Every structure is written in C-alpha cells, then in structure tokens.
C-alpha cells in the first residue's frame, strides 16, 4: 500500500471511529459504570471485534454473509438481541459509586468487559457491509493482500483506541462529578436507552441488493 493511499485511509478511519454508534455507547457506558482504567477494557474488546470483522472480510466470509439472506439475518438479529439485552442491563444497573472489589471479581469483570466490546463489533453486519464497500477502494490488487489488510486493521484499531479513550474518559469524568445516586441512576437509564436505540437502528438495517 502506497503512503498516499494509507494517508487517505488514515483520515477516513478517524471519521469512522468518531461516528457515534453502538461502540461509542459501549465505551461511554463502561466509563460511566467502571471508571476510565477498567472501562477502557471495553475498547480493547471493540478493537478485537474490528479485527475479527477484518479477518472475516479478508477470507471472503464477509461477502458470503452479505450475499446470504439467512446468514445476514442470523448475524443481524443476534446483534440486535445483544444490544437490547445490554440496554436492559444498563437500565437496571444499581446506582452505586465505583468499588474495587476482590481480585477474582475484578479479573472476571475485565474478561466480561472485553467480551462485551468484542461481541458488539463482531456481531454487527453493518460493519461487515461497510468494510466490504470501503476497504477494496484502498487495496492494490497487484500487490499481496494480506499485508494490506494487516495495515488497514491496525490503522482502524489505532484510531478506535484513541477515539474510544476520549468517550470513556468523558463518561468517567462525568461519573466522578455525580454526588447523587438519582443522577447515576438517570444516566444508567440514558445509556440503557441508547443501547436499545442502537439495537433498533441495527434491526432496520438492510443489506444491499
């Protein structure tokens, strides 16, 4: 991949990462519930989900999911159900301040946060369709494709790590200014609603003909 081509994709990656969506909601929700350091683990999961999508697209499975109505619907509705479930969990989350907890619980929560981020991006057919539509425009088909997919995946991962850090930090800072459990409960419900809205938007998404 030529440097000018990569630079164009690098610029596009910032727009992709900054665009509000389920990933941004997940990052802010994690920052609100767990603070920045622990909440940022969700972003690691989100990036792993992006890389999973890149792998799926690079081996041709993405085209299969997009072309097959059944496969597309299975992935889409699994993603919708997961986002709605996250919304319900966030809505019902207890309004309590941050707590360190014991070591085993912290380790378990870390795995859960990473898994949550991964599932959100890995089970998003919108991401598959987007990558199939955008990535080929930056590929040089005369050159080996694997290194180019690697560069693209790392670039998307980098911009997402930076942007989601901002979203997570913003929510974590907001959490530390809250003095009332009523305020925390209200924000939990706001983010719970946003998860459900993200699920609704995904439910309305249709694959291209």
C-alpha atoms as a PDB file:
ATOM      1  CA  UNK A   1       0.000   0.000   0.000  1.00  0.00           C
ATOM      2  CA  UNK A   2       1.410   3.375  -1.031  1.00  0.00           C
ATOM      3  CA  UNK A   3       1.821   6.028   1.631  1.00  0.00           C
ATOM      4  CA  UNK A   4      -0.656   8.408  -0.041  1.00  0.00           C
ATOM      5  CA  UNK A   5      -3.275   5.649  -0.106  1.00  0.00           C
ATOM      6  CA  UNK A   6      -2.657   4.821   3.535  1.00  0.00           C
ATOM      7  CA  UNK A   7      -2.869   8.509   4.456  1.00  0.00           C
ATOM      8  CA  UNK A   8      -6.289   8.755   2.803  1.00  0.00           C
ATOM      9  CA  UNK A   9      -7.462   5.682   4.675  1.00  0.00           C
ATOM     10  CA  UNK A  10      -5.993   7.026   7.922  1.00  0.00           C
ATOM     11  CA  UNK A  11      -8.085  10.186   7.518  1.00  0.00           C
ATOM     12  CA  UNK A  12     -11.174   8.101   6.753  1.00  0.00           C
ATOM     13  CA  UNK A  13     -10.520   5.951   9.833  1.00  0.00           C
ATOM     14  CA  UNK A  14     -10.880   8.937  12.145  1.00  0.00           C
ATOM     15  CA  UNK A  15     -14.287   9.718  10.681  1.00  0.00           C
ATOM     16  CA  UNK A  16     -15.276   6.052  11.017  1.00  0.00           C
ATOM     17  CA  UNK A  17     -14.200   5.890  14.660  1.00  0.00           C
ATOM     18  CA  UNK A  18     -15.700   9.229  15.702  1.00  0.00           C
ATOM     19  CA  UNK A  19     -19.092   8.472  14.144  1.00  0.00           C
ATOM     20  CA  UNK A  20     -21.498   7.730  17.015  1.00  0.00           C
ATOM     21  CA  UNK A  21     -22.747   4.162  17.184  1.00  0.00           C
ATOM     22  CA  UNK A  22     -23.016   1.129  19.414  1.00  0.00           C
ATOM     23  CA  UNK A  23     -19.252   1.162  20.045  1.00  0.00           C
ATOM     24  CA  UNK A  24     -19.305   4.749  21.315  1.00  0.00           C
ATOM     25  CA  UNK A  25     -22.291   3.970  23.542  1.00  0.00           C
ATOM     26  CA  UNK A  26     -20.488   0.918  24.911  1.00  0.00           C
ATOM     27  CA  UNK A  27     -17.329   2.916  25.635  1.00  0.00           C
ATOM     28  CA  UNK A  28     -19.228   5.665  27.452  1.00  0.00           C
ATOM     29  CA  UNK A  29     -21.357   3.164  29.332  1.00  0.00           C
ATOM     30  CA  UNK A  30     -18.219   1.352  30.526  1.00  0.00           C
ATOM     31  CA  UNK A  31     -16.623   4.624  31.607  1.00  0.00           C
ATOM     32  CA  UNK A  32     -19.762   5.571  33.497  1.00  0.00           C
ATOM     33  CA  UNK A  33     -20.047   2.226  35.270  1.00  0.00           C
ATOM     34  CA  UNK A  34     -16.393   1.366  35.923  1.00  0.00           C
ATOM     35  CA  UNK A  35     -14.265   4.489  35.546  1.00  0.00           C
ATOM     36  CA  UNK A  36     -11.640   5.024  32.859  1.00  0.00           C
ATOM     37  CA  UNK A  37      -8.974   2.422  33.650  1.00  0.00           C
ATOM     38  CA  UNK A  38     -11.328  -0.531  33.893  1.00  0.00           C
ATOM     39  CA  UNK A  39     -13.921   0.802  31.465  1.00  0.00           C
ATOM     40  CA  UNK A  40     -11.277   1.144  28.760  1.00  0.00           C
ATOM     41  CA  UNK A  41     -11.105  -2.648  28.601  1.00  0.00           C
ATOM     42  CA  UNK A  42     -14.344  -2.486  26.621  1.00  0.00           C
ATOM     43  CA  UNK A  43     -12.452  -0.592  23.921  1.00  0.00           C
ATOM     44  CA  UNK A  44      -9.909  -3.412  23.701  1.00  0.00           C
ATOM     45  CA  UNK A  45     -12.835  -5.731  23.026  1.00  0.00           C
ATOM     46  CA  UNK A  46     -14.223  -3.331  20.416  1.00  0.00           C
ATOM     47  CA  UNK A  47     -10.887  -3.348  18.585  1.00  0.00           C
ATOM     48  CA  UNK A  48     -10.742  -7.142  18.734  1.00  0.00           C
ATOM     49  CA  UNK A  49     -14.223  -7.105  17.203  1.00  0.00           C
ATOM     50  CA  UNK A  50     -12.998  -4.863  14.373  1.00  0.00           C
ATOM     51  CA  UNK A  51     -10.093  -7.199  13.731  1.00  0.00           C
ATOM     52  CA  UNK A  52     -12.491 -10.145  13.706  1.00  0.00           C
ATOM     53  CA  UNK A  53     -14.554  -8.349  11.080  1.00  0.00           C
ATOM     54  CA  UNK A  54     -11.414  -7.652   9.047  1.00  0.00           C
ATOM     55  CA  UNK A  55     -10.441 -11.320   9.197  1.00  0.00           C
ATOM     56  CA  UNK A  56     -13.931 -12.366   8.130  1.00  0.00           C
ATOM     57  CA  UNK A  57     -13.868  -9.944   5.200  1.00  0.00           C
ATOM     58  CA  UNK A  58     -10.327 -10.845   4.144  1.00  0.00           C
ATOM     59  CA  UNK A  59     -11.073 -14.581   3.858  1.00  0.00           C
ATOM     60  CA  UNK A  60     -14.299 -13.982   1.944  1.00  0.00           C
ATOM     61  CA  UNK A  61     -16.799 -14.901   4.643  1.00  0.00           C
ATOM     62  CA  UNK A  62     -17.991 -11.305   4.777  1.00  0.00           C
ATOM     63  CA  UNK A  63     -19.159 -11.497   1.183  1.00  0.00           C
ATOM     64  CA  UNK A  64     -20.969 -14.738   1.996  1.00  0.00           C
ATOM     65  CA  UNK A  65     -22.774 -13.168   4.965  1.00  0.00           C
ATOM     66  CA  UNK A  66     -23.766 -10.189   2.842  1.00  0.00           C
ATOM     67  CA  UNK A  67     -24.955 -12.330  -0.062  1.00  0.00           C
ATOM     68  CA  UNK A  68     -26.825 -14.923   2.010  1.00  0.00           C
ATOM     69  CA  UNK A  69     -30.113 -13.600   3.328  1.00  0.00           C
ATOM     70  CA  UNK A  70     -30.287 -16.234   6.059  1.00  0.00           C
ATOM     71  CA  UNK A  71     -26.722 -15.717   7.308  1.00  0.00           C
ATOM     72  CA  UNK A  72     -27.179 -11.959   7.254  1.00  0.00           C
ATOM     73  CA  UNK A  73     -30.394 -12.131   9.273  1.00  0.00           C
ATOM     74  CA  UNK A  74     -28.926 -14.535  11.833  1.00  0.00           C
ATOM     75  CA  UNK A  75     -25.969 -12.235  12.489  1.00  0.00           C
ATOM     76  CA  UNK A  76     -28.119  -9.104  12.454  1.00  0.00           C
ATOM     77  CA  UNK A  77     -30.751 -10.333  14.906  1.00  0.00           C
ATOM     78  CA  UNK A  78     -28.114 -11.799  17.213  1.00  0.00           C
ATOM     79  CA  UNK A  79     -26.540  -8.337  17.311  1.00  0.00           C
ATOM     80  CA  UNK A  80     -29.918  -6.672  17.872  1.00  0.00           C
ATOM     81  CA  UNK A  81     -30.785  -9.029  20.736  1.00  0.00           C
ATOM     82  CA  UNK A  82     -27.413  -8.453  22.387  1.00  0.00           C
ATOM     83  CA  UNK A  83     -27.676  -4.656  22.203  1.00  0.00           C
ATOM     84  CA  UNK A  84     -31.201  -4.688  23.622  1.00  0.00           C
ATOM     85  CA  UNK A  85     -30.075  -7.026  26.401  1.00  0.00           C
ATOM     86  CA  UNK A  86     -27.217  -4.645  27.222  1.00  0.00           C
ATOM     87  CA  UNK A  87     -29.709  -1.791  27.303  1.00  0.00           C
ATOM     88  CA  UNK A  88     -31.927  -3.618  29.778  1.00  0.00           C
ATOM     89  CA  UNK A  89     -28.911  -4.477  31.948  1.00  0.00           C
ATOM     90  CA  UNK A  90     -27.709  -0.859  31.907  1.00  0.00           C
ATOM     91  CA  UNK A  91     -31.210   0.439  32.706  1.00  0.00           C
ATOM     92  CA  UNK A  92     -31.435  -1.865  35.709  1.00  0.00           C
ATOM     93  CA  UNK A  93     -27.832  -1.291  36.881  1.00  0.00           C
ATOM     94  CA  UNK A  94     -27.594  -0.249  40.542  1.00  0.00           C
ATOM     95  CA  UNK A  95     -26.769   3.417  41.150  1.00  0.00           C
ATOM     96  CA  UNK A  96     -23.654   2.986  43.236  1.00  0.00           C
ATOM     97  CA  UNK A  97     -20.182   4.561  43.249  1.00  0.00           C
ATOM     98  CA  UNK A  98     -17.111   2.816  41.918  1.00  0.00           C
ATOM     99  CA  UNK A  99     -15.854  -0.092  44.021  1.00  0.00           C
ATOM    100  CA  UNK A 100     -12.626  -2.010  43.645  1.00  0.00           C
ATOM    101  CA  UNK A 101     -13.977  -5.437  44.672  1.00  0.00           C
ATOM    102  CA  UNK A 102     -11.860  -8.507  45.258  1.00  0.00           C
ATOM    103  CA  UNK A 103      -9.210  -9.732  42.824  1.00  0.00           C
ATOM    104  CA  UNK A 104     -11.269 -12.598  41.402  1.00  0.00           C
ATOM    105  CA  UNK A 105     -14.268 -10.363  40.760  1.00  0.00           C
ATOM    106  CA  UNK A 106     -12.043  -7.740  39.118  1.00  0.00           C
ATOM    107  CA  UNK A 107     -10.488 -10.337  36.822  1.00  0.00           C
ATOM    108  CA  UNK A 108     -13.897 -11.704  35.898  1.00  0.00           C
ATOM    109  CA  UNK A 109     -15.227  -8.222  35.211  1.00  0.00           C
ATOM    110  CA  UNK A 110     -12.221  -7.474  32.981  1.00  0.00           C
ATOM    111  CA  UNK A 111     -12.955 -10.530  30.860  1.00  0.00           C
ATOM    112  CA  UNK A 112     -16.627  -9.580  30.717  1.00  0.00           C
ATOM    113  CA  UNK A 113     -15.851  -6.034  29.572  1.00  0.00           C
ATOM    114  CA  UNK A 114     -13.528  -7.239  26.815  1.00  0.00           C
ATOM    115  CA  UNK A 115     -16.055  -9.856  25.711  1.00  0.00           C
ATOM    116  CA  UNK A 116     -18.816  -7.247  25.662  1.00  0.00           C
ATOM    117  CA  UNK A 117     -16.844  -4.976  23.354  1.00  0.00           C
ATOM    118  CA  UNK A 118     -15.875  -7.861  21.083  1.00  0.00           C
ATOM    119  CA  UNK A 119     -19.440  -9.112  20.663  1.00  0.00           C
ATOM    120  CA  UNK A 120     -20.773  -5.617  19.875  1.00  0.00           C
ATOM    121  CA  UNK A 121     -18.440  -5.175  16.903  1.00  0.00           C
ATOM    122  CA  UNK A 122     -18.105  -8.802  15.811  1.00  0.00           C
ATOM    123  CA  UNK A 123     -21.899  -9.289  15.584  1.00  0.00           C
ATOM    124  CA  UNK A 124     -22.524  -6.154  13.558  1.00  0.00           C
ATOM    125  CA  UNK A 125     -23.368  -6.858   9.894  1.00  0.00           C
ATOM    126  CA  UNK A 126     -23.293  -3.117   9.259  1.00  0.00           C
ATOM    127  CA  UNK A 127     -19.566  -3.299   9.923  1.00  0.00           C
ATOM    128  CA  UNK A 128     -19.183  -6.208   7.520  1.00  0.00           C
ATOM    129  CA  UNK A 129     -21.071  -4.422   4.746  1.00  0.00           C
ATOM    130  CA  UNK A 130     -19.120  -1.234   5.407  1.00  0.00           C
ATOM    131  CA  UNK A 131     -15.752  -2.956   5.245  1.00  0.00           C
ATOM    132  CA  UNK A 132     -16.733  -4.771   2.067  1.00  0.00           C
ATOM    133  CA  UNK A 133     -17.749  -1.465   0.486  1.00  0.00           C
ATOM    134  CA  UNK A 134     -14.880   0.735   1.681  1.00  0.00           C
ATOM    135  CA  UNK A 135     -11.763  -1.387   2.141  1.00  0.00           C
ATOM    136  CA  UNK A 136     -11.434  -2.571  -1.503  1.00  0.00           C
ATOM    137  CA  UNK A 137     -11.116   1.070  -2.588  1.00  0.00           C
ATOM    138  CA  UNK A 138      -7.787   1.259  -0.747  1.00  0.00           C
ATOM    139  CA  UNK A 139      -6.375  -2.100  -1.851  1.00  0.00           C
ATOM    140  CA  UNK A 140      -3.774  -2.516  -4.573  1.00  0.00           C
ATOM    141  CA  UNK A 141      -4.858  -5.787  -6.187  1.00  0.00           C
ATOM    142  CA  UNK A 142      -1.496  -6.110  -7.911  1.00  0.00           C
ATOM    143  CA  UNK A 143       0.218  -6.427  -4.523  1.00  0.00           C
ATOM    144  CA  UNK A 144      -0.147  -9.119  -1.822  1.00  0.00           C
ATOM    145  CA  UNK A 145      -3.405  -8.510   0.018  1.00  0.00           C
ATOM    146  CA  UNK A 146      -2.573  -9.916   3.469  1.00  0.00           C
ATOM    147  CA  UNK A 147      -0.084  -7.134   4.394  1.00  0.00           C
ATOM    148  CA  UNK A 148      -2.569  -4.519   3.182  1.00  0.00           C
ATOM    149  CA  UNK A 149      -5.385  -5.971   5.281  1.00  0.00           C
ATOM    150  CA  UNK A 150      -2.986  -6.002   8.245  1.00  0.00           C
ATOM    151  CA  UNK A 151      -2.153  -2.312   7.780  1.00  0.00           C
ATOM    152  CA  UNK A 152      -5.825  -1.414   7.429  1.00  0.00           C
ATOM    153  CA  UNK A 153      -6.769  -3.426  10.522  1.00  0.00           C
ATOM    154  CA  UNK A 154      -4.008  -1.830  12.598  1.00  0.00           C
ATOM    155  CA  UNK A 155      -4.990   1.638  11.393  1.00  0.00           C
ATOM    156  CA  UNK A 156      -8.636   1.146  12.312  1.00  0.00           C
ATOM    157  CA  UNK A 157      -7.571  -0.319  15.643  1.00  0.00           C
ATOM    158  CA  UNK A 158      -5.350   2.670  16.416  1.00  0.00           C
ATOM    159  CA  UNK A 159      -7.977   5.319  15.674  1.00  0.00           C
ATOM    160  CA  UNK A 160     -10.602   3.397  17.636  1.00  0.00           C
ATOM    161  CA  UNK A 161      -8.277   3.086  20.635  1.00  0.00           C
ATOM    162  CA  UNK A 162      -7.758   6.858  20.648  1.00  0.00           C
ATOM    163  CA  UNK A 163     -11.343   7.917  19.982  1.00  0.00           C
ATOM    164  CA  UNK A 164     -12.923   5.448  22.403  1.00  0.00           C
ATOM    165  CA  UNK A 165     -10.438   6.551  25.059  1.00  0.00           C
ATOM    166  CA  UNK A 166     -11.967  10.005  24.723  1.00  0.00           C
ATOM    167  CA  UNK A 167     -15.516   8.674  25.018  1.00  0.00           C
ATOM    168  CA  UNK A 168     -14.587   6.527  28.030  1.00  0.00           C
ATOM    169  CA  UNK A 169     -12.721   9.352  29.766  1.00  0.00           C
ATOM    170  CA  UNK A 170     -15.616  11.751  29.213  1.00  0.00           C
ATOM    171  CA  UNK A 171     -18.087   9.377  30.870  1.00  0.00           C
ATOM    172  CA  UNK A 172     -15.652   8.526  33.687  1.00  0.00           C
ATOM    173  CA  UNK A 173     -15.108  12.213  34.444  1.00  0.00           C
ATOM    174  CA  UNK A 174     -18.848  12.746  34.476  1.00  0.00           C
ATOM    175  CA  UNK A 175     -19.239   9.865  36.936  1.00  0.00           C
ATOM    176  CA  UNK A 176     -16.799  11.424  39.379  1.00  0.00           C
ATOM    177  CA  UNK A 177     -18.761  14.682  39.430  1.00  0.00           C
ATOM    178  CA  UNK A 178     -22.027  12.956  40.358  1.00  0.00           C
ATOM    179  CA  UNK A 179     -22.957  13.188  44.027  1.00  0.00           C
ATOM    180  CA  UNK A 180     -26.473  11.797  43.880  1.00  0.00           C
ATOM    181  CA  UNK A 181     -27.497   8.198  43.273  1.00  0.00           C
ATOM    182  CA  UNK A 182     -30.522   9.627  41.448  1.00  0.00           C
ATOM    183  CA  UNK A 183     -28.183  11.225  38.903  1.00  0.00           C
ATOM    184  CA  UNK A 184     -26.252   7.976  38.416  1.00  0.00           C
ATOM    185  CA  UNK A 185     -29.499   6.062  38.001  1.00  0.00           C
ATOM    186  CA  UNK A 186     -30.726   8.584  35.424  1.00  0.00           C
ATOM    187  CA  UNK A 187     -27.516   8.274  33.398  1.00  0.00           C
ATOM    188  CA  UNK A 188     -27.687   4.486  33.566  1.00  0.00           C
ATOM    189  CA  UNK A 189     -31.141   4.728  32.042  1.00  0.00           C
ATOM    190  CA  UNK A 190     -29.973   7.173  29.387  1.00  0.00           C
ATOM    191  CA  UNK A 191     -27.237   4.786  28.257  1.00  0.00           C
ATOM    192  CA  UNK A 192     -29.586   1.825  28.557  1.00  0.00           C
ATOM    193  CA  UNK A 193     -31.977   3.610  26.214  1.00  0.00           C
ATOM    194  CA  UNK A 194     -29.126   4.393  23.810  1.00  0.00           C
ATOM    195  CA  UNK A 195     -28.230   0.686  23.637  1.00  0.00           C
ATOM    196  CA  UNK A 196     -31.836  -0.154  22.796  1.00  0.00           C
ATOM    197  CA  UNK A 197     -31.907   2.619  20.170  1.00  0.00           C
ATOM    198  CA  UNK A 198     -28.698   1.223  18.645  1.00  0.00           C
ATOM    199  CA  UNK A 199     -30.363  -2.189  18.544  1.00  0.00           C
ATOM    200  CA  UNK A 200     -33.422  -0.659  16.859  1.00  0.00           C
ATOM    201  CA  UNK A 201     -31.278   1.036  14.228  1.00  0.00           C
ATOM    202  CA  UNK A 202     -29.482  -2.239  13.539  1.00  0.00           C
ATOM    203  CA  UNK A 203     -32.856  -4.002  13.235  1.00  0.00           C
ATOM    204  CA  UNK A 204     -33.825  -1.558  10.470  1.00  0.00           C
ATOM    205  CA  UNK A 205     -30.564  -2.049   8.589  1.00  0.00           C
ATOM    206  CA  UNK A 206     -30.963  -3.940   5.310  1.00  0.00           C
ATOM    207  CA  UNK A 207     -28.247  -5.498   3.187  1.00  0.00           C
ATOM    208  CA  UNK A 208     -27.660  -4.082  -0.264  1.00  0.00           C
ATOM    209  CA  UNK A 209     -29.407  -5.796  -3.107  1.00  0.00           C
END
